[in-house]
């Protein structure tokens, strides 16, 4: 494969690096709470996601219509989070309440 034919791995690489960062923080600080680390990673990811979805200076820009208000950006973010969560290997657990009852 030439460089032009290489698939874009930015999404997968970034997700992998985020997980590695969380694991590294936990490894370096034995007293760190995994929920706190995960919430910190999520807070940073949300901030960066919102920053990356800012509309341009043209209030009538059609390309920016779906991110033209804070509520539209939030709706988009929540939809993406739901999709990522539901496709995660960790979404359902055998320890979930009611597991195996469906």
N, C-alpha and C. Protein backbone atom coordinates (compact mmCIF):
# COMPACT_ATOMS: atom_id res chain seq x y z
N UNK A 1 0.83 -1.19 0.00
CA UNK A 1 0.00 0.00 0.00
C UNK A 1 0.87 1.25 0.00
N UNK A 2 0.53 2.19 -0.82
CA UNK A 2 1.26 3.45 -0.82
C UNK A 2 0.68 4.33 0.28
N UNK A 3 1.37 5.42 0.55
CA UNK A 3 0.91 6.34 1.60
C UNK A 3 -0.49 6.87 1.28
N UNK A 4 -0.80 7.03 0.01
CA UNK A 4 -2.10 7.54 -0.39
C UNK A 4 -3.19 6.52 -0.10
N UNK A 5 -2.89 5.23 -0.19
CA UNK A 5 -3.88 4.18 0.00
C UNK A 5 -4.02 3.74 1.46
N UNK A 6 -3.19 4.25 2.34
CA UNK A 6 -3.23 3.85 3.74
C UNK A 6 -4.54 4.33 4.38
N UNK A 7 -5.20 3.46 5.14
CA UNK A 7 -6.42 3.90 5.82
C UNK A 7 -6.08 4.90 6.92
N UNK A 8 -7.00 5.82 7.17
CA UNK A 8 -6.81 6.80 8.24
C UNK A 8 -7.06 6.10 9.58
N UNK A 9 -6.05 6.08 10.41
CA UNK A 9 -6.16 5.40 11.71
C UNK A 9 -6.21 6.40 12.86
N UNK A 10 -6.44 7.67 12.55
CA UNK A 10 -6.43 8.70 13.58
C UNK A 10 -7.41 8.39 14.71
N UNK A 11 -8.63 8.02 14.38
CA UNK A 11 -9.65 7.72 15.40
C UNK A 11 -9.17 6.60 16.31
N UNK A 12 -8.79 5.46 15.73
CA UNK A 12 -8.36 4.31 16.52
C UNK A 12 -7.11 4.61 17.33
N UNK A 13 -6.16 5.32 16.73
CA UNK A 13 -4.92 5.66 17.44
C UNK A 13 -5.20 6.57 18.64
N UNK A 14 -6.07 7.55 18.44
CA UNK A 14 -6.40 8.47 19.52
C UNK A 14 -7.13 7.76 20.65
N UNK A 15 -8.07 6.89 20.31
CA UNK A 15 -8.80 6.13 21.33
C UNK A 15 -7.83 5.24 22.11
N UNK A 16 -6.93 4.56 21.41
CA UNK A 16 -5.95 3.69 22.06
C UNK A 16 -5.04 4.49 22.99
N UNK A 17 -4.58 5.64 22.53
CA UNK A 17 -3.71 6.47 23.35
C UNK A 17 -4.41 6.98 24.60
N UNK A 18 -5.71 7.25 24.49
CA UNK A 18 -6.49 7.71 25.64
C UNK A 18 -6.57 6.61 26.69
N UNK A 19 -6.86 5.38 26.24
CA UNK A 19 -6.91 4.25 27.17
C UNK A 19 -5.54 4.04 27.81
N UNK A 20 -4.48 4.13 27.00
CA UNK A 20 -3.13 3.97 27.54
C UNK A 20 -2.81 5.05 28.58
N UNK A 21 -3.26 6.28 28.33
CA UNK A 21 -3.04 7.35 29.30
C UNK A 21 -3.73 7.04 30.62
N UNK A 22 -4.98 6.60 30.55
CA UNK A 22 -5.70 6.24 31.77
C UNK A 22 -4.99 5.13 32.53
N UNK A 23 -4.54 4.11 31.83
CA UNK A 23 -3.81 3.02 32.47
C UNK A 23 -2.49 3.49 33.07
N UNK A 24 -1.81 4.38 32.37
CA UNK A 24 -0.54 4.92 32.86
C UNK A 24 -0.74 5.72 34.15
N UNK A 25 -1.79 6.53 34.19
CA UNK A 25 -2.09 7.30 35.41
C UNK A 25 -2.36 6.36 36.57
N UNK A 26 -3.14 5.32 36.33
CA UNK A 26 -3.44 4.35 37.40
C UNK A 26 -2.19 3.60 37.84
N UNK A 27 -1.32 3.24 36.88
CA UNK A 27 -0.08 2.54 37.22
C UNK A 27 0.87 3.42 38.03
N UNK A 28 0.91 4.71 37.71
CA UNK A 28 1.84 5.63 38.38
C UNK A 28 1.35 6.06 39.76
N UNK A 29 0.05 6.02 39.98
CA UNK A 29 -0.52 6.45 41.26
C UNK A 29 -1.42 5.34 41.78
N UNK A 30 -0.85 4.50 42.62
CA UNK A 30 -1.60 3.37 43.16
C UNK A 30 -2.83 3.77 43.95
N UNK A 31 -2.89 5.01 44.41
CA UNK A 31 -4.04 5.47 45.18
C UNK A 31 -5.11 6.11 44.30
N UNK A 32 -4.83 6.25 43.00
CA UNK A 32 -5.79 6.90 42.11
C UNK A 32 -7.03 6.03 41.96
N UNK A 33 -8.17 6.67 41.91
CA UNK A 33 -9.45 5.99 41.74
C UNK A 33 -9.74 5.90 40.23
N UNK A 34 -10.03 4.71 39.74
CA UNK A 34 -10.25 4.54 38.29
C UNK A 34 -11.44 5.37 37.80
N UNK A 35 -12.45 5.55 38.64
CA UNK A 35 -13.58 6.37 38.23
C UNK A 35 -13.17 7.83 38.08
N UNK A 36 -12.32 8.32 38.98
CA UNK A 36 -11.84 9.71 38.89
C UNK A 36 -10.99 9.90 37.64
N UNK A 37 -10.12 8.94 37.37
CA UNK A 37 -9.28 9.02 36.18
C UNK A 37 -10.16 9.02 34.93
N UNK A 38 -11.12 8.10 34.88
CA UNK A 38 -12.02 8.02 33.73
C UNK A 38 -12.82 9.31 33.56
N UNK A 39 -13.31 9.88 34.66
CA UNK A 39 -14.06 11.13 34.57
C UNK A 39 -13.18 12.27 34.10
N UNK A 40 -11.93 12.29 34.54
CA UNK A 40 -11.00 13.31 34.08
C UNK A 40 -10.72 13.19 32.59
N UNK A 41 -10.52 11.97 32.11
CA UNK A 41 -10.32 11.75 30.68
C UNK A 41 -11.55 12.18 29.89
N UNK A 42 -12.72 11.84 30.40
CA UNK A 42 -13.96 12.22 29.73
C UNK A 42 -14.12 13.74 29.69
N UNK A 43 -13.83 14.41 30.81
CA UNK A 43 -13.94 15.87 30.85
C UNK A 43 -13.02 16.52 29.82
N UNK A 44 -11.81 16.02 29.73
CA UNK A 44 -10.88 16.56 28.73
C UNK A 44 -11.36 16.28 27.31
N UNK A 45 -11.88 15.08 27.08
CA UNK A 45 -12.37 14.73 25.75
C UNK A 45 -13.57 15.59 25.37
N UNK A 46 -14.47 15.83 26.31
CA UNK A 46 -15.64 16.68 26.04
C UNK A 46 -15.19 18.10 25.70
N UNK A 47 -14.25 18.62 26.48
CA UNK A 47 -13.76 19.98 26.21
C UNK A 47 -13.16 20.06 24.80
N UNK A 48 -12.33 19.09 24.45
CA UNK A 48 -11.70 19.11 23.13
C UNK A 48 -12.74 18.94 22.03
N UNK A 49 -13.71 18.04 22.24
CA UNK A 49 -14.76 17.81 21.25
C UNK A 49 -15.54 19.09 21.01
N UNK A 50 -15.96 19.76 22.09
CA UNK A 50 -16.71 21.02 21.95
C UNK A 50 -15.88 22.09 21.27
N UNK A 51 -14.60 22.18 21.62
CA UNK A 51 -13.70 23.14 20.98
C UNK A 51 -13.62 22.88 19.48
N UNK A 52 -13.54 21.61 19.10
CA UNK A 52 -13.39 21.26 17.68
C UNK A 52 -14.66 21.48 16.88
N UNK A 53 -15.79 21.64 17.53
CA UNK A 53 -17.06 21.80 16.83
C UNK A 53 -17.58 23.24 16.87
N UNK A 54 -16.73 24.20 17.12
CA UNK A 54 -17.18 25.60 17.13
C UNK A 54 -17.53 26.05 15.72
N UNK A 55 -18.65 26.76 15.57
CA UNK A 55 -19.03 27.25 14.24
C UNK A 55 -18.09 28.37 13.79
N UNK A 56 -18.06 28.58 12.48
CA UNK A 56 -17.22 29.67 11.94
C UNK A 56 -17.87 31.02 12.23
N UNK A 57 -17.28 32.08 11.73
CA UNK A 57 -17.76 33.44 11.99
C UNK A 57 -19.01 33.82 11.20
N UNK A 58 -19.38 33.01 10.19
CA UNK A 58 -20.53 33.32 9.35
C UNK A 58 -21.78 32.71 9.98
N UNK A 59 -22.69 33.52 10.55
CA UNK A 59 -23.88 32.97 11.20
C UNK A 59 -24.83 32.25 10.24
N UNK A 60 -24.65 32.42 8.93
CA UNK A 60 -25.51 31.78 7.95
C UNK A 60 -24.80 30.64 7.20
N UNK A 61 -23.68 30.21 7.72
CA UNK A 61 -22.89 29.15 7.09
C UNK A 61 -23.66 27.83 7.13
N UNK A 62 -23.94 27.27 5.97
CA UNK A 62 -24.69 26.01 5.91
C UNK A 62 -23.88 24.84 6.46
N UNK A 63 -22.57 24.88 6.26
CA UNK A 63 -21.72 23.79 6.74
C UNK A 63 -21.69 23.73 8.27
N UNK A 64 -21.93 24.86 8.93
CA UNK A 64 -21.88 24.92 10.39
C UNK A 64 -23.27 24.83 11.03
N UNK A 65 -24.31 24.65 10.24
CA UNK A 65 -25.68 24.68 10.76
C UNK A 65 -25.89 23.69 11.90
N UNK A 66 -25.35 22.48 11.78
CA UNK A 66 -25.60 21.47 12.81
C UNK A 66 -24.87 21.75 14.12
N UNK A 67 -23.92 22.69 14.12
CA UNK A 67 -23.20 23.05 15.36
C UNK A 67 -23.36 24.53 15.67
N UNK A 68 -24.40 25.15 15.12
CA UNK A 68 -24.54 26.60 15.23
C UNK A 68 -25.02 27.10 16.58
N UNK A 69 -25.47 26.20 17.46
CA UNK A 69 -25.86 26.60 18.81
C UNK A 69 -25.29 25.61 19.82
N UNK A 70 -25.22 26.03 21.06
CA UNK A 70 -24.71 25.15 22.11
C UNK A 70 -25.59 23.91 22.24
N UNK A 71 -26.90 24.08 22.13
CA UNK A 71 -27.81 22.93 22.26
C UNK A 71 -27.65 21.94 21.11
N UNK A 72 -27.40 22.45 19.90
CA UNK A 72 -27.17 21.54 18.77
C UNK A 72 -25.86 20.77 18.95
N UNK A 73 -24.83 21.46 19.45
CA UNK A 73 -23.56 20.77 19.71
C UNK A 73 -23.74 19.71 20.78
N UNK A 74 -24.47 20.04 21.84
CA UNK A 74 -24.70 19.07 22.91
C UNK A 74 -25.48 17.86 22.40
N UNK A 75 -26.49 18.09 21.59
CA UNK A 75 -27.27 16.99 21.02
C UNK A 75 -26.36 16.08 20.19
N UNK A 76 -25.51 16.68 19.38
CA UNK A 76 -24.58 15.92 18.56
C UNK A 76 -23.61 15.12 19.42
N UNK A 77 -23.10 15.75 20.46
CA UNK A 77 -22.17 15.09 21.38
C UNK A 77 -22.84 13.90 22.06
N UNK A 78 -24.03 14.09 22.58
CA UNK A 78 -24.73 13.01 23.27
C UNK A 78 -25.05 11.85 22.33
N UNK A 79 -25.41 12.15 21.10
CA UNK A 79 -25.67 11.08 20.13
C UNK A 79 -24.39 10.28 19.85
N UNK A 80 -23.28 10.98 19.71
CA UNK A 80 -22.01 10.30 19.44
C UNK A 80 -21.59 9.46 20.65
N UNK A 81 -21.74 10.00 21.85
CA UNK A 81 -21.39 9.26 23.06
C UNK A 81 -22.26 8.01 23.18
N UNK A 82 -23.56 8.14 22.91
CA UNK A 82 -24.44 6.98 23.00
C UNK A 82 -24.01 5.89 22.01
N UNK A 83 -23.70 6.29 20.79
CA UNK A 83 -23.28 5.31 19.79
C UNK A 83 -21.97 4.62 20.21
N UNK A 84 -21.02 5.40 20.69
CA UNK A 84 -19.74 4.83 21.11
C UNK A 84 -19.92 3.90 22.30
N UNK A 85 -20.78 4.28 23.24
CA UNK A 85 -21.03 3.44 24.41
C UNK A 85 -21.69 2.13 24.00
N UNK A 86 -22.72 2.22 23.17
CA UNK A 86 -23.47 1.03 22.80
C UNK A 86 -22.67 0.05 21.95
N UNK A 87 -21.63 0.54 21.27
CA UNK A 87 -20.80 -0.35 20.46
C UNK A 87 -19.54 -0.80 21.21
N UNK A 88 -19.40 -0.37 22.44
CA UNK A 88 -18.24 -0.75 23.25
C UNK A 88 -18.35 -2.19 23.75
N UNK A 89 -17.21 -2.85 23.84
CA UNK A 89 -17.17 -4.20 24.42
C UNK A 89 -17.60 -4.19 25.88
N UNK A 90 -17.53 -3.04 26.52
CA UNK A 90 -17.81 -2.94 27.95
C UNK A 90 -19.20 -2.41 28.25
N UNK A 91 -20.03 -2.22 27.22
CA UNK A 91 -21.36 -1.63 27.43
C UNK A 91 -22.22 -2.51 28.33
N UNK A 92 -22.29 -3.79 28.03
CA UNK A 92 -23.07 -4.70 28.87
C UNK A 92 -22.12 -5.61 29.63
N UNK A 93 -22.49 -5.90 30.85
CA UNK A 93 -21.67 -6.74 31.72
C UNK A 93 -22.52 -7.87 32.27
N UNK A 94 -21.89 -8.99 32.50
CA UNK A 94 -22.62 -10.11 33.11
C UNK A 94 -23.04 -9.76 34.53
N UNK A 95 -22.44 -8.71 35.10
CA UNK A 95 -22.80 -8.28 36.45
C UNK A 95 -23.89 -7.21 36.46
N UNK A 96 -24.40 -6.83 35.28
CA UNK A 96 -25.48 -5.85 35.23
C UNK A 96 -26.73 -6.41 35.89
N UNK A 97 -27.47 -5.53 36.55
CA UNK A 97 -28.75 -5.95 37.11
C UNK A 97 -29.63 -6.44 35.97
N UNK A 98 -30.22 -7.60 36.16
CA UNK A 98 -31.10 -8.15 35.15
C UNK A 98 -30.38 -8.83 33.99
N UNK A 99 -29.07 -9.02 34.10
CA UNK A 99 -28.33 -9.67 33.02
C UNK A 99 -28.87 -11.07 32.80
N UNK A 100 -29.00 -11.43 31.54
CA UNK A 100 -29.46 -12.76 31.19
C UNK A 100 -30.97 -12.94 31.25
N UNK A 101 -31.71 -11.86 31.47
CA UNK A 101 -33.16 -11.98 31.57
C UNK A 101 -33.87 -11.64 30.26
N UNK A 102 -33.11 -11.27 29.24
CA UNK A 102 -33.74 -10.88 27.95
C UNK A 102 -33.83 -12.05 27.03
